[in-house]
Amino acid sequence: MQGVIKSYDPQSRTGVVVDDVNRSEYDLALDALEGSIFRMVRQGQRVIFDLDEQGLATQLRLGSEVDLGTPDWITAAGGDA
């Protein structure tokens, strides 16, 4: 899945990511950044992520420019790419 970081607190390692496709919000798993190139993430940062068994966003990573293109719902609404 791909999305955008809505919020992140580096002290508690809690945060929320918004899915590009259906705009669902997912809490970040406490280990979401383990094994990642990220040490922390910031609001508005685009990421690729997986969901764990509890429905938490985990395994945050960067994708290629193709992977992180402008979501269809933005371009359909007339937004600039």
C-alpha atoms as a PDB file:
ATOM      1  CA  MET A   1       0.000   0.000   0.000  1.00  0.00           C
ATOM      2  CA  GLN A   2       1.110   3.571  -0.422  1.00  0.00           C
ATOM      3  CA  GLY A   3       0.137   6.649   1.484  1.00  0.00           C
ATOM      4  CA  VAL A   4       1.105   9.806   3.318  1.00  0.00           C
ATOM      5  CA  ILE A   5       2.151  10.280   6.923  1.00  0.00           C
ATOM      6  CA  LYS A   6      -0.572  12.234   8.716  1.00  0.00           C
ATOM      7  CA  SER A   7       1.231  12.458  12.059  1.00  0.00           C
ATOM      8  CA  TYR A   8       4.234  10.998  13.887  1.00  0.00           C
ATOM      9  CA  ASP A   9       5.641  11.408  17.411  1.00  0.00           C
ATOM     10  CA  PRO A  10       9.267  10.205  17.530  1.00  0.00           C
ATOM     11  CA  GLN A  11       9.296   9.920  21.330  1.00  0.00           C
ATOM     12  CA  SER A  12       6.356   7.533  21.566  1.00  0.00           C
ATOM     13  CA  ARG A  13       6.859   6.155  18.013  1.00  0.00           C
ATOM     14  CA  THR A  14       3.128   6.572  17.398  1.00  0.00           C
ATOM     15  CA  GLY A  15       1.589   8.006  14.274  1.00  0.00           C
ATOM     16  CA  VAL A  16      -0.960   7.691  11.502  1.00  0.00           C
ATOM     17  CA  VAL A  17      -0.624   7.048   7.768  1.00  0.00           C
ATOM     18  CA  VAL A  18      -3.401   7.753   5.238  1.00  0.00           C
ATOM     19  CA  ASP A  19      -3.843   5.262   2.391  1.00  0.00           C
ATOM     20  CA  ASP A  20      -3.827   6.849  -1.090  1.00  0.00           C
ATOM     21  CA  VAL A  21      -6.508   4.608  -2.556  1.00  0.00           C
ATOM     22  CA  ASN A  22      -9.390   4.802  -0.096  1.00  0.00           C
ATOM     23  CA  ARG A  23      -8.074   7.478   2.284  1.00  0.00           C
ATOM     24  CA  SER A  24      -8.304   5.102   5.248  1.00  0.00           C
ATOM     25  CA  GLU A  25      -6.201   5.990   8.260  1.00  0.00           C
ATOM     26  CA  TYR A  26      -3.948   3.382   9.866  1.00  0.00           C
ATOM     27  CA  ASP A  27      -2.045   3.679  13.123  1.00  0.00           C
ATOM     28  CA  LEU A  28       1.662   2.934  12.852  1.00  0.00           C
ATOM     29  CA  ALA A  29       2.910  -0.222  14.530  1.00  0.00           C
ATOM     30  CA  LEU A  30       5.539   0.545  17.185  1.00  0.00           C
ATOM     31  CA  ASP A  31       8.095  -1.321  15.056  1.00  0.00           C
ATOM     32  CA  ALA A  32       7.029   0.348  11.776  1.00  0.00           C
ATOM     33  CA  LEU A  33      10.485   1.877  11.242  1.00  0.00           C
ATOM     34  CA  GLU A  34      12.571  -1.151  12.309  1.00  0.00           C
ATOM     35  CA  GLY A  35      14.650  -2.437   9.410  1.00  0.00           C
ATOM     36  CA  SER A  36      13.767   0.682   7.428  1.00  0.00           C
ATOM     37  CA  ILE A  37      16.033   3.410   6.084  1.00  0.00           C
ATOM     38  CA  PHE A  38      13.854   5.819   8.084  1.00  0.00           C
ATOM     39  CA  ARG A  39      14.894   6.907  11.561  1.00  0.00           C
ATOM     40  CA  MET A  40      11.748   8.984  11.778  1.00  0.00           C
ATOM     41  CA  VAL A  41       9.085  10.249   9.402  1.00  0.00           C
ATOM     42  CA  ARG A  42       7.450  13.637   9.031  1.00  0.00           C
ATOM     43  CA  GLN A  43       3.939  14.812   8.277  1.00  0.00           C
ATOM     44  CA  GLY A  44       3.253  14.748   4.546  1.00  0.00           C
ATOM     45  CA  GLN A  45       5.995  12.230   3.758  1.00  0.00           C
ATOM     46  CA  ARG A  46       4.987   9.658   1.143  1.00  0.00           C
ATOM     47  CA  VAL A  47       5.647   6.021   2.029  1.00  0.00           C
ATOM     48  CA  ILE A  48       4.883   2.468   1.029  1.00  0.00           C
ATOM     49  CA  PHE A  49       3.695   0.254   3.889  1.00  0.00           C
ATOM     50  CA  ASP A  50       2.178  -3.081   4.784  1.00  0.00           C
ATOM     51  CA  LEU A  51      -0.531  -3.916   7.300  1.00  0.00           C
ATOM     52  CA  ASP A  52       0.154  -6.413  10.073  1.00  0.00           C
ATOM     53  CA  GLU A  53      -2.339  -8.879  11.571  1.00  0.00           C
ATOM     54  CA  GLN A  54      -3.759  -6.163  13.837  1.00  0.00           C
ATOM     55  CA  GLY A  55      -4.322  -3.738  10.940  1.00  0.00           C
ATOM     56  CA  LEU A  56      -1.380  -1.511  11.923  1.00  0.00           C
ATOM     57  CA  ALA A  57       0.885   0.069   9.304  1.00  0.00           C
ATOM     58  CA  THR A  58       4.326  -1.529   9.359  1.00  0.00           C
ATOM     59  CA  GLN A  59       7.493  -1.941   7.256  1.00  0.00           C
ATOM     60  CA  LEU A  60       7.578   1.670   6.051  1.00  0.00           C
ATOM     61  CA  ARG A  61       9.763   2.160   3.010  1.00  0.00           C
ATOM     62  CA  LEU A  62      10.384   4.369   0.016  1.00  0.00           C
ATOM     63  CA  GLY A  63       9.319   3.367  -3.461  1.00  0.00           C
ATOM     64  CA  SER A  64      10.299   4.386  -6.927  1.00  0.00           C
ATOM     65  CA  GLU A  65       8.849   7.503  -8.502  1.00  0.00           C
ATOM     66  CA  VAL A  66       6.403   5.241 -10.341  1.00  0.00           C
ATOM     67  CA  ASP A  67       5.320   3.637  -7.039  1.00  0.00           C
ATOM     68  CA  LEU A  68       4.812   7.025  -5.403  1.00  0.00           C
ATOM     69  CA  GLY A  69       3.037   8.782  -8.264  1.00  0.00           C
ATOM     70  CA  THR A  70       0.110  11.101  -7.735  1.00  0.00           C
ATOM     71  CA  PRO A  71      -2.924   9.138  -6.515  1.00  0.00           C
ATOM     72  CA  ASP A  72      -5.770   8.705  -9.007  1.00  0.00           C
ATOM     73  CA  TRP A  73      -8.247  10.505  -6.726  1.00  0.00           C
ATOM     74  CA  ILE A  74      -6.114  13.669  -6.883  1.00  0.00           C
ATOM     75  CA  THR A  75      -5.702  13.712 -10.654  1.00  0.00           C
ATOM     76  CA  ALA A  76      -9.420  12.900 -11.129  1.00  0.00           C
ATOM     77  CA  ALA A  77     -10.252  15.954  -9.013  1.00  0.00           C
ATOM     78  CA  GLY A  78      -8.175  18.167 -11.299  1.00  0.00           C
ATOM     79  CA  GLY A  79      -5.068  18.454  -9.093  1.00  0.00           C
ATOM     80  CA  ASP A  80      -1.678  19.063 -10.681  1.00  0.00           C
ATOM     81  CA  ALA A  81       0.791  16.179 -10.727  1.00  0.00           C
END
